[in-house]
N, C-alpha and C. Protein backbone atom coordinates (compact mmCIF):
# COMPACT_ATOMS: atom_id res chain seq x y z
N MET A 1 12.89 -7.54 9.54
CA MET A 1 13.28 -6.24 9.22
C MET A 1 12.49 -5.33 10.00
N CYS A 2 13.06 -4.25 10.46
CA CYS A 2 12.41 -3.32 11.38
C CYS A 2 11.92 -2.13 10.54
N LEU A 3 10.71 -1.65 10.74
CA LEU A 3 10.09 -0.58 9.96
C LEU A 3 10.44 0.70 10.68
N THR A 4 11.29 0.77 11.66
CA THR A 4 11.41 2.07 12.51
C THR A 4 11.90 3.20 11.74
N PHE A 5 13.09 3.14 11.16
CA PHE A 5 13.69 4.17 10.53
C PHE A 5 13.78 4.17 8.98
N ILE A 6 12.72 3.46 8.46
CA ILE A 6 12.74 3.30 6.99
C ILE A 6 11.39 3.99 6.62
N LEU A 7 11.60 4.73 5.48
CA LEU A 7 10.32 5.40 4.93
C LEU A 7 9.58 4.16 4.29
N PHE A 8 8.25 4.05 4.69
CA PHE A 8 7.48 2.87 4.14
C PHE A 8 6.08 3.32 3.70
N LEU A 9 5.50 2.36 3.06
CA LEU A 9 4.17 2.53 2.48
C LEU A 9 3.47 1.37 3.04
N ILE A 10 2.25 1.46 3.75
CA ILE A 10 1.25 0.46 3.92
C ILE A 10 0.15 0.48 3.13
N VAL A 11 -0.20 -0.69 2.52
CA VAL A 11 -1.17 -0.78 1.46
C VAL A 11 -2.21 -1.87 1.86
N SER A 12 -3.40 -1.59 1.41
CA SER A 12 -4.53 -2.65 1.61
C SER A 12 -4.85 -3.19 0.28
N PHE A 13 -4.89 -4.43 0.21
CA PHE A 13 -5.31 -5.16 -1.02
C PHE A 13 -6.71 -5.91 -0.73
N TYR A 14 -7.54 -5.88 -1.71
CA TYR A 14 -8.85 -6.79 -1.46
C TYR A 14 -9.26 -7.34 -2.74
N LEU A 15 -9.99 -8.58 -2.57
CA LEU A 15 -10.65 -9.15 -3.69
C LEU A 15 -11.83 -8.49 -4.17
N PHE A 16 -12.18 -8.74 -5.31
CA PHE A 16 -13.36 -7.97 -5.97
C PHE A 16 -14.69 -8.44 -5.14
N SER A 17 -15.66 -7.65 -5.23
CA SER A 17 -16.94 -7.95 -4.40
C SER A 17 -17.65 -9.10 -4.95
N ASN A 18 -17.33 -9.69 -6.20
CA ASN A 18 -18.14 -10.67 -6.73
C ASN A 18 -17.56 -12.04 -6.34
N SER A 19 -16.38 -12.08 -5.53
CA SER A 19 -15.82 -13.25 -5.23
C SER A 19 -15.91 -13.49 -3.67
N ILE A 20 -15.11 -14.34 -3.06
CA ILE A 20 -15.03 -14.42 -1.70
C ILE A 20 -14.26 -13.19 -1.08
N PRO A 21 -14.81 -12.61 -0.13
CA PRO A 21 -14.15 -11.41 0.37
C PRO A 21 -12.98 -11.79 1.18
N GLY A 22 -11.94 -10.92 1.08
CA GLY A 22 -10.75 -11.01 1.78
C GLY A 22 -9.87 -9.88 1.54
N SER A 23 -9.12 -9.33 2.46
CA SER A 23 -8.07 -8.39 2.49
C SER A 23 -6.73 -8.63 2.97
N ALA A 24 -5.70 -7.93 2.54
CA ALA A 24 -4.51 -8.02 3.11
C ALA A 24 -3.91 -6.69 3.26
N VAL A 25 -3.07 -6.46 4.40
CA VAL A 25 -2.37 -5.15 4.56
C VAL A 25 -0.78 -5.59 4.41
N CYS A 26 -0.10 -5.00 3.50
CA CYS A 26 1.27 -5.21 3.38
C CYS A 26 2.10 -3.89 3.43
N ALA A 27 3.42 -4.04 3.86
CA ALA A 27 4.18 -3.04 4.07
C ALA A 27 5.18 -3.03 2.92
N PHE A 28 5.60 -1.87 2.34
CA PHE A 28 6.73 -1.70 1.41
C PHE A 28 7.60 -0.62 1.81
N ASN A 29 9.03 -0.83 1.64
CA ASN A 29 9.86 0.33 2.05
C ASN A 29 10.07 1.04 0.67
N MET A 30 10.42 2.18 0.85
CA MET A 30 10.74 3.19 -0.36
C MET A 30 11.87 2.65 -1.29
N SER A 31 12.80 1.99 -0.62
CA SER A 31 13.84 1.58 -1.47
C SER A 31 13.48 0.40 -2.45
N SER A 32 12.61 -0.47 -2.05
CA SER A 32 12.18 -1.49 -2.94
C SER A 32 11.24 -0.98 -3.94
N ILE A 33 10.51 0.08 -3.63
CA ILE A 33 9.60 0.63 -4.63
C ILE A 33 10.44 1.59 -5.71
N THR A 34 11.54 2.09 -5.20
CA THR A 34 12.43 2.76 -6.16
C THR A 34 13.17 1.84 -7.08
N ALA A 35 13.66 0.67 -6.50
CA ALA A 35 14.23 -0.39 -7.22
C ALA A 35 13.39 -1.07 -8.28
N ALA A 36 12.14 -1.22 -8.08
CA ALA A 36 11.26 -1.83 -9.10
C ALA A 36 10.92 -0.79 -10.23
N PHE A 37 10.75 0.45 -9.87
CA PHE A 37 10.34 1.42 -10.83
C PHE A 37 11.68 2.04 -11.47
N SER A 38 12.80 1.74 -11.02
CA SER A 38 14.00 2.06 -11.86
C SER A 38 14.53 1.04 -12.78
N GLY A 39 14.00 -0.23 -12.77
CA GLY A 39 14.26 -1.37 -13.45
C GLY A 39 13.77 -1.39 -14.86
N PRO A 40 13.96 -2.50 -15.56
CA PRO A 40 13.24 -2.54 -16.91
C PRO A 40 11.77 -2.84 -16.96
N PHE A 41 11.31 -2.70 -17.94
CA PHE A 41 9.83 -2.90 -18.24
C PHE A 41 9.46 -4.22 -18.71
N LYS A 42 8.11 -4.65 -18.60
CA LYS A 42 7.66 -5.79 -19.28
C LYS A 42 7.01 -5.23 -20.65
N HIS A 43 7.24 -5.83 -21.76
CA HIS A 43 6.61 -5.41 -23.03
C HIS A 43 6.01 -6.66 -23.75
N GLN A 44 4.96 -6.47 -24.35
CA GLN A 44 4.32 -7.44 -25.33
C GLN A 44 4.14 -6.87 -26.65
N GLU A 45 4.78 -7.49 -27.61
CA GLU A 45 4.88 -6.82 -28.90
C GLU A 45 3.35 -6.90 -29.59
N ASN A 46 2.74 -7.94 -29.41
CA ASN A 46 1.28 -8.04 -29.85
C ASN A 46 0.49 -8.96 -28.92
N PRO A 47 -0.85 -8.94 -28.90
CA PRO A 47 -1.63 -9.73 -27.86
C PRO A 47 -1.22 -11.17 -27.94
N GLY A 48 -0.69 -11.71 -29.03
CA GLY A 48 -0.36 -13.18 -28.99
C GLY A 48 1.05 -13.47 -28.60
N SER A 49 1.75 -12.49 -28.39
CA SER A 49 3.20 -12.90 -28.03
C SER A 49 3.51 -12.85 -26.45
N THR A 50 4.49 -13.40 -26.03
CA THR A 50 4.87 -13.50 -24.67
C THR A 50 5.54 -12.07 -24.18
N TRP A 51 5.26 -11.90 -22.86
CA TRP A 51 5.94 -10.73 -22.15
C TRP A 51 7.33 -10.81 -22.15
N GLU A 52 8.07 -9.83 -22.46
CA GLU A 52 9.56 -9.83 -22.42
C GLU A 52 10.13 -8.61 -21.58
N ARG A 53 11.25 -8.83 -21.09
CA ARG A 53 11.86 -7.77 -20.32
C ARG A 53 12.48 -6.81 -21.39
N ARG A 54 12.26 -5.63 -21.17
CA ARG A 54 12.76 -4.55 -21.97
C ARG A 54 13.22 -3.35 -21.37
N THR A 55 14.18 -2.71 -21.79
CA THR A 55 14.61 -1.38 -21.26
C THR A 55 14.25 -0.28 -22.26
N SER A 56 13.68 0.82 -21.76
CA SER A 56 13.33 1.90 -22.69
C SER A 56 14.60 2.74 -23.07
N PRO A 57 14.71 2.94 -24.31
CA PRO A 57 15.89 3.91 -24.59
C PRO A 57 15.65 5.37 -24.13
N HIS A 58 14.45 5.66 -23.80
CA HIS A 58 14.16 6.93 -23.31
C HIS A 58 13.72 6.95 -21.86
N LYS A 59 14.58 6.33 -21.06
CA LYS A 59 14.28 6.20 -19.65
C LYS A 59 14.05 7.43 -18.89
N HIS A 60 14.92 8.38 -19.21
CA HIS A 60 14.74 9.81 -18.51
C HIS A 60 13.24 10.25 -18.58
N HIS A 61 12.57 9.99 -19.68
CA HIS A 61 11.22 10.40 -19.77
C HIS A 61 10.42 9.80 -18.55
N PHE A 62 10.53 8.64 -18.17
CA PHE A 62 9.79 7.93 -17.16
C PHE A 62 10.28 8.54 -15.71
N GLU A 63 11.34 9.06 -15.70
CA GLU A 63 11.89 9.66 -14.39
C GLU A 63 11.72 10.98 -14.18
N CYS A 64 10.88 11.73 -15.09
CA CYS A 64 10.55 13.06 -15.01
C CYS A 64 11.78 14.05 -15.13
N GLN A 65 12.67 13.56 -15.91
CA GLN A 65 13.84 14.39 -16.25
C GLN A 65 13.65 15.04 -17.49
N SER A 66 13.96 16.40 -17.56
CA SER A 66 13.84 17.13 -18.78
C SER A 66 15.05 16.77 -19.73
N THR A 67 14.72 16.89 -20.97
CA THR A 67 15.62 16.50 -21.97
C THR A 67 15.64 17.47 -23.09
N SER A 68 16.81 17.74 -23.82
CA SER A 68 16.86 18.69 -24.82
C SER A 68 16.70 18.00 -26.21
N SER A 69 16.41 16.71 -26.17
CA SER A 69 16.31 15.97 -27.50
C SER A 69 14.99 16.18 -28.19
N PRO A 70 14.93 16.30 -29.48
CA PRO A 70 13.76 16.56 -30.16
C PRO A 70 12.80 15.34 -30.27
N SER A 71 13.04 14.27 -29.68
CA SER A 71 12.41 13.00 -29.84
C SER A 71 11.22 12.85 -28.90
N HIS A 72 10.30 13.82 -28.83
CA HIS A 72 9.13 13.82 -27.98
C HIS A 72 8.25 12.82 -28.44
N SER A 73 8.10 12.53 -29.81
CA SER A 73 7.04 11.62 -30.21
C SER A 73 7.55 10.10 -29.91
N HIS A 74 8.87 9.79 -29.95
CA HIS A 74 9.28 8.53 -29.32
C HIS A 74 9.06 8.28 -27.87
N GLN A 75 9.14 9.39 -27.13
CA GLN A 75 8.80 9.39 -25.70
C GLN A 75 7.32 9.07 -25.51
N LEU A 76 6.39 9.57 -26.32
CA LEU A 76 4.98 9.37 -26.18
C LEU A 76 4.71 7.87 -26.56
N LEU A 77 5.31 7.46 -27.56
CA LEU A 77 5.23 5.91 -27.95
C LEU A 77 5.76 5.01 -26.90
N ASP A 78 6.80 5.37 -26.20
CA ASP A 78 7.19 4.55 -25.16
C ASP A 78 6.22 4.69 -23.84
N SER A 79 5.60 5.73 -23.72
CA SER A 79 4.77 5.90 -22.61
C SER A 79 3.53 4.91 -22.81
N ASN A 80 3.21 4.62 -24.07
CA ASN A 80 2.14 3.66 -24.48
C ASN A 80 2.73 2.24 -24.35
N ARG A 81 3.82 2.08 -24.82
CA ARG A 81 4.44 0.68 -24.93
C ARG A 81 4.81 0.13 -23.63
N TYR A 82 5.49 1.08 -22.64
CA TYR A 82 6.02 0.54 -21.46
C TYR A 82 5.20 0.93 -20.21
N GLN A 83 4.33 0.25 -19.82
CA GLN A 83 3.43 0.64 -18.64
C GLN A 83 3.44 -0.29 -17.52
N LEU A 84 4.18 -1.49 -17.73
CA LEU A 84 4.29 -2.50 -16.72
C LEU A 84 5.79 -2.68 -16.39
N MET A 85 6.08 -2.83 -15.01
CA MET A 85 7.47 -2.99 -14.76
C MET A 85 7.77 -4.49 -14.64
N ASP A 86 8.97 -4.87 -14.96
CA ASP A 86 9.47 -6.20 -15.08
C ASP A 86 9.51 -6.84 -13.69
N SER A 87 9.83 -6.15 -12.63
CA SER A 87 10.02 -6.66 -11.33
C SER A 87 8.79 -6.18 -10.35
N ALA A 88 8.45 -6.98 -9.63
CA ALA A 88 7.44 -6.54 -8.51
C ALA A 88 8.08 -5.79 -7.42
N VAL A 89 7.40 -5.04 -6.80
CA VAL A 89 7.83 -4.29 -5.68
C VAL A 89 7.81 -5.24 -4.42
N GLN A 90 9.05 -5.44 -3.82
CA GLN A 90 9.11 -6.43 -2.81
C GLN A 90 8.63 -5.93 -1.53
N PRO A 91 7.66 -6.76 -0.68
CA PRO A 91 7.24 -6.16 0.54
C PRO A 91 8.42 -6.39 1.56
N THR A 92 8.20 -5.87 2.64
CA THR A 92 9.17 -5.90 3.86
C THR A 92 9.17 -7.18 4.55
N THR A 93 7.93 -7.92 4.45
CA THR A 93 7.85 -9.21 5.13
C THR A 93 7.29 -10.23 3.99
N LEU A 94 7.61 -11.52 4.29
CA LEU A 94 7.13 -12.55 3.50
C LEU A 94 5.61 -12.67 3.39
N GLN A 95 5.03 -12.49 4.62
CA GLN A 95 3.54 -12.61 4.75
C GLN A 95 2.91 -11.22 4.90
N PRO A 96 1.71 -10.97 4.59
CA PRO A 96 0.97 -9.71 4.94
C PRO A 96 1.09 -9.49 6.44
N LEU A 97 1.10 -8.06 6.68
CA LEU A 97 1.14 -7.74 8.07
C LEU A 97 -0.19 -8.11 8.71
N TYR A 98 -1.23 -7.97 8.00
CA TYR A 98 -2.72 -8.47 8.52
C TYR A 98 -3.40 -9.10 7.32
N LEU A 99 -4.09 -10.16 7.64
CA LEU A 99 -4.86 -10.82 6.58
C LEU A 99 -6.27 -10.98 7.18
N GLY A 100 -7.17 -10.20 6.43
CA GLY A 100 -8.54 -10.24 6.76
C GLY A 100 -9.37 -11.16 5.97
N ARG A 101 -9.61 -12.32 6.55
CA ARG A 101 -10.34 -13.37 5.90
C ARG A 101 -11.87 -13.07 6.05
N LEU A 102 -12.46 -13.09 4.99
CA LEU A 102 -13.98 -12.95 4.79
C LEU A 102 -14.37 -11.36 5.21
N GLU A 103 -13.40 -10.55 5.00
CA GLU A 103 -13.68 -9.06 5.34
C GLU A 103 -12.90 -8.18 4.30
N ILE A 104 -13.46 -6.97 4.02
CA ILE A 104 -12.99 -6.13 3.09
C ILE A 104 -12.56 -4.74 3.89
N LEU A 105 -11.33 -4.54 3.68
CA LEU A 105 -10.80 -3.29 4.43
C LEU A 105 -10.96 -2.07 3.55
N THR A 106 -11.43 -0.93 3.99
CA THR A 106 -11.60 0.12 3.05
C THR A 106 -10.67 1.28 3.22
N HIS A 107 -10.17 1.49 4.41
CA HIS A 107 -9.39 2.68 4.81
C HIS A 107 -8.34 2.33 5.81
N ILE A 108 -7.12 3.03 5.79
CA ILE A 108 -6.01 2.74 6.76
C ILE A 108 -5.49 3.98 7.18
N ALA A 109 -5.25 4.28 8.57
CA ALA A 109 -4.54 5.32 9.10
C ALA A 109 -3.49 4.73 9.93
N VAL A 110 -2.25 5.33 9.98
CA VAL A 110 -1.16 4.79 10.68
C VAL A 110 -0.59 5.67 11.65
N ASP A 111 -0.21 5.31 12.82
CA ASP A 111 0.46 6.06 13.77
C ASP A 111 1.79 5.38 14.15
N VAL A 112 2.77 6.22 14.62
CA VAL A 112 3.97 5.53 15.15
C VAL A 112 4.19 6.04 16.68
N LEU A 113 4.11 5.16 17.68
CA LEU A 113 4.20 5.48 18.99
C LEU A 113 5.38 5.07 19.60
N PRO A 114 6.09 5.86 20.44
CA PRO A 114 7.19 5.27 21.19
C PRO A 114 6.67 4.57 22.52
N THR A 115 7.45 3.56 22.91
CA THR A 115 6.95 2.73 24.20
C THR A 115 8.13 2.65 25.04
N LYS A 116 7.84 2.05 26.21
CA LYS A 116 9.02 1.89 27.19
C LYS A 116 10.09 0.94 26.62
N LEU A 117 9.52 -0.07 25.87
CA LEU A 117 10.44 -1.10 25.27
C LEU A 117 10.85 -0.81 23.88
N HIS A 118 10.20 -0.14 22.98
CA HIS A 118 10.59 0.11 21.74
C HIS A 118 10.51 1.69 21.36
N ARG A 119 11.46 2.11 20.43
CA ARG A 119 11.47 3.60 20.04
C ARG A 119 10.18 3.78 19.07
N ALA A 120 9.73 2.84 18.34
CA ALA A 120 8.60 3.06 17.49
C ALA A 120 7.75 1.68 17.29
N VAL A 121 6.47 1.83 17.59
CA VAL A 121 5.60 0.88 17.35
C VAL A 121 4.50 1.35 16.50
N HIS A 122 4.39 0.64 15.29
CA HIS A 122 3.27 1.11 14.27
C HIS A 122 1.98 0.50 14.77
N VAL A 123 0.99 1.50 14.84
CA VAL A 123 -0.30 1.22 14.98
C VAL A 123 -1.20 1.59 13.83
N MET A 124 -1.90 0.53 13.31
CA MET A 124 -2.76 0.75 12.29
C MET A 124 -4.23 0.78 12.66
N TYR A 125 -4.93 1.77 12.08
CA TYR A 125 -6.43 1.75 12.26
C TYR A 125 -7.00 1.49 10.95
N VAL A 126 -7.77 0.38 10.83
CA VAL A 126 -8.38 -0.09 9.58
C VAL A 126 -9.78 0.06 9.71
N ALA A 127 -10.56 0.41 8.65
CA ALA A 127 -11.81 0.52 8.61
C ALA A 127 -12.42 -0.69 7.80
N THR A 128 -13.49 -1.36 8.07
CA THR A 128 -13.97 -2.41 7.24
C THR A 128 -15.36 -2.03 6.54
N ALA A 129 -15.66 -2.81 5.57
CA ALA A 129 -16.82 -2.35 4.83
C ALA A 129 -18.11 -2.67 5.68
N ASP A 130 -17.94 -3.27 6.73
CA ASP A 130 -19.04 -3.54 7.79
C ASP A 130 -19.17 -2.44 8.74
N GLY A 131 -18.37 -1.36 8.60
CA GLY A 131 -18.55 -0.31 9.62
C GLY A 131 -17.74 -0.29 10.74
N LEU A 132 -16.80 -1.16 10.83
CA LEU A 132 -15.97 -1.39 12.13
C LEU A 132 -14.60 -0.70 11.89
N VAL A 133 -13.96 -0.36 12.88
CA VAL A 133 -12.63 0.14 12.93
C VAL A 133 -11.78 -0.75 13.83
N LYS A 134 -10.68 -1.32 13.22
CA LYS A 134 -9.87 -2.26 14.03
C LYS A 134 -8.48 -1.55 14.28
N LYS A 135 -8.11 -1.54 15.63
CA LYS A 135 -6.82 -0.96 16.01
C LYS A 135 -5.92 -2.14 15.93
N ILE A 136 -4.84 -2.17 15.23
CA ILE A 136 -3.87 -3.25 15.03
C ILE A 136 -2.42 -2.76 15.23
N SER A 137 -1.82 -3.51 16.20
CA SER A 137 -0.45 -3.14 16.51
C SER A 137 0.51 -3.95 15.80
N VAL A 138 1.70 -3.43 15.22
CA VAL A 138 2.75 -4.22 14.52
C VAL A 138 3.77 -4.40 15.70
N LEU A 139 4.06 -5.54 16.03
CA LEU A 139 5.04 -5.90 17.00
C LEU A 139 6.42 -5.65 16.31
N PRO A 140 7.31 -4.74 16.78
CA PRO A 140 8.40 -4.37 16.21
C PRO A 140 9.52 -5.51 15.92
N ARG A 141 9.81 -6.38 16.80
CA ARG A 141 10.79 -7.35 16.63
C ARG A 141 10.43 -8.55 15.55
N THR A 142 9.14 -8.89 15.68
CA THR A 142 8.67 -10.02 14.82
C THR A 142 7.92 -9.49 13.48
N GLN A 143 7.37 -8.26 13.49
CA GLN A 143 6.60 -7.79 12.49
C GLN A 143 5.12 -8.53 12.42
N GLU A 144 4.88 -9.19 13.48
CA GLU A 144 3.56 -9.86 13.63
C GLU A 144 2.50 -8.75 14.06
N THR A 145 1.35 -9.03 13.75
CA THR A 145 0.37 -7.97 14.18
C THR A 145 -0.71 -8.64 15.23
N CYS A 146 -1.29 -7.69 15.98
CA CYS A 146 -2.15 -8.06 16.97
C CYS A 146 -3.37 -7.09 16.92
N VAL A 147 -4.65 -7.67 16.98
CA VAL A 147 -5.82 -6.71 17.04
C VAL A 147 -5.95 -6.39 18.39
N VAL A 148 -5.81 -4.99 18.62
CA VAL A 148 -5.80 -4.54 20.09
C VAL A 148 -7.35 -4.20 20.51
N GLU A 149 -7.99 -3.57 19.50
CA GLU A 149 -9.32 -3.15 19.75
C GLU A 149 -10.19 -3.23 18.52
N ILE A 150 -11.40 -3.52 18.61
CA ILE A 150 -12.45 -3.28 17.50
C ILE A 150 -13.54 -2.39 18.00
N TRP A 151 -13.67 -1.32 17.11
CA TRP A 151 -14.71 -0.25 17.52
C TRP A 151 -15.82 -0.36 16.53
N LYS A 152 -16.94 -0.24 17.04
CA LYS A 152 -18.20 0.03 16.17
C LYS A 152 -18.64 1.47 16.47
N PRO A 153 -18.22 2.34 15.62
CA PRO A 153 -18.61 3.84 15.82
C PRO A 153 -19.99 4.15 15.77
N PHE A 154 -20.86 3.44 14.97
CA PHE A 154 -22.23 3.86 14.89
C PHE A 154 -23.06 2.64 15.30
N SER A 155 -24.20 2.98 16.06
CA SER A 155 -24.97 2.09 16.62
C SER A 155 -26.05 1.60 15.69
N GLY A 156 -26.66 0.54 15.95
CA GLY A 156 -27.61 -0.02 15.06
C GLY A 156 -27.14 -1.40 14.46
N ASP A 157 -28.19 -2.06 13.81
CA ASP A 157 -27.84 -3.29 13.22
C ASP A 157 -27.35 -3.33 11.86
N ASN A 158 -27.65 -2.31 11.09
CA ASN A 158 -27.28 -2.10 9.78
C ASN A 158 -25.85 -1.32 9.74
N PRO A 159 -24.85 -1.99 9.03
CA PRO A 159 -23.56 -1.29 8.97
C PRO A 159 -23.57 -0.01 8.27
N ILE A 160 -22.92 1.02 8.69
CA ILE A 160 -22.80 2.22 7.97
C ILE A 160 -21.32 2.48 7.54
N ALA A 161 -21.31 2.75 6.25
CA ALA A 161 -19.88 2.72 5.62
C ALA A 161 -19.04 3.89 6.12
N ILE A 162 -17.95 3.69 6.40
CA ILE A 162 -16.97 4.72 6.86
C ILE A 162 -16.29 5.40 5.56
N ARG A 163 -16.61 6.61 5.43
CA ARG A 163 -16.24 7.43 4.29
C ARG A 163 -14.70 7.86 4.23
N ALA A 164 -14.26 8.17 5.47
CA ALA A 164 -12.78 8.62 5.58
C ALA A 164 -12.24 8.18 6.89
N LEU A 165 -10.97 7.98 7.07
CA LEU A 165 -10.45 7.58 8.31
C LEU A 165 -9.13 8.35 8.44
N ASN A 166 -9.09 9.39 9.39
CA ASN A 166 -7.89 10.13 9.54
C ASN A 166 -7.41 10.10 11.06
N PHE A 167 -6.07 10.18 11.28
CA PHE A 167 -5.59 10.16 12.51
C PHE A 167 -5.00 11.65 12.64
N LEU A 168 -5.45 12.33 13.73
CA LEU A 168 -5.07 13.78 14.00
C LEU A 168 -3.90 13.68 14.91
N LYS A 169 -2.70 13.79 14.33
CA LYS A 169 -1.46 13.79 15.11
C LYS A 169 -1.20 15.05 15.85
N ASP A 170 -1.65 16.20 15.29
CA ASP A 170 -1.38 17.46 15.91
C ASP A 170 -2.05 17.54 17.14
N THR A 171 -3.18 16.98 17.45
CA THR A 171 -4.14 17.13 18.72
C THR A 171 -3.94 15.86 19.43
N VAL A 172 -3.07 14.85 19.08
CA VAL A 172 -2.96 13.61 19.88
C VAL A 172 -4.21 12.98 20.13
N SER A 173 -5.20 13.10 19.28
CA SER A 173 -6.57 12.55 19.48
C SER A 173 -6.60 11.12 19.06
N GLU A 174 -7.71 10.60 19.25
CA GLU A 174 -8.03 9.21 18.77
C GLU A 174 -8.37 9.45 17.28
N ILE A 175 -9.12 8.54 16.68
CA ILE A 175 -9.47 8.63 15.34
C ILE A 175 -10.62 9.60 15.04
N GLU A 176 -10.49 10.22 13.93
CA GLU A 176 -11.58 11.05 13.55
C GLU A 176 -12.30 10.30 12.39
N ILE A 177 -13.55 9.99 12.54
CA ILE A 177 -14.13 9.29 11.33
C ILE A 177 -15.34 10.29 10.86
N TYR A 178 -15.46 10.17 9.39
CA TYR A 178 -16.45 10.84 8.77
C TYR A 178 -17.30 9.99 8.08
N VAL A 179 -18.68 10.26 8.10
CA VAL A 179 -19.60 9.36 7.50
C VAL A 179 -20.14 10.10 6.18
């Protein structure tokens, strides 16, 4: 699947710090996000019961649609009862775009560049908990990734946490990093 003309979201997931470190970067298109959040909910009647698929009778409440019905209290009860969707949001690829074994990714910035061979190549800039920035290209035809560069923006032996990672598209600059 090509990410070129699809509105998409790139997300980084990581394991808790008290376990083996690891991160993954996955891509989701907006249609799969909409499909999951438009579907039924998971509901558990009590802590000992199984999770079941349920549709809320007040679905318009979850879609931010106004209603003229006076059943506002039922909508509030539904808001507490239905907080988990039945279907997961499906990623655009079966495997993560990037898998960081033994590393924690903290920030992502994405740029889309035209090249001679492709109309759009996605380039991800990911910051690690060790204070590094990895420039990762997503190959358009295969959706495989390639680490192009690894930057260490701060000198010294002790890692300095990167507080923010922003790509300044207006000035066509490289990455701007704030500590």
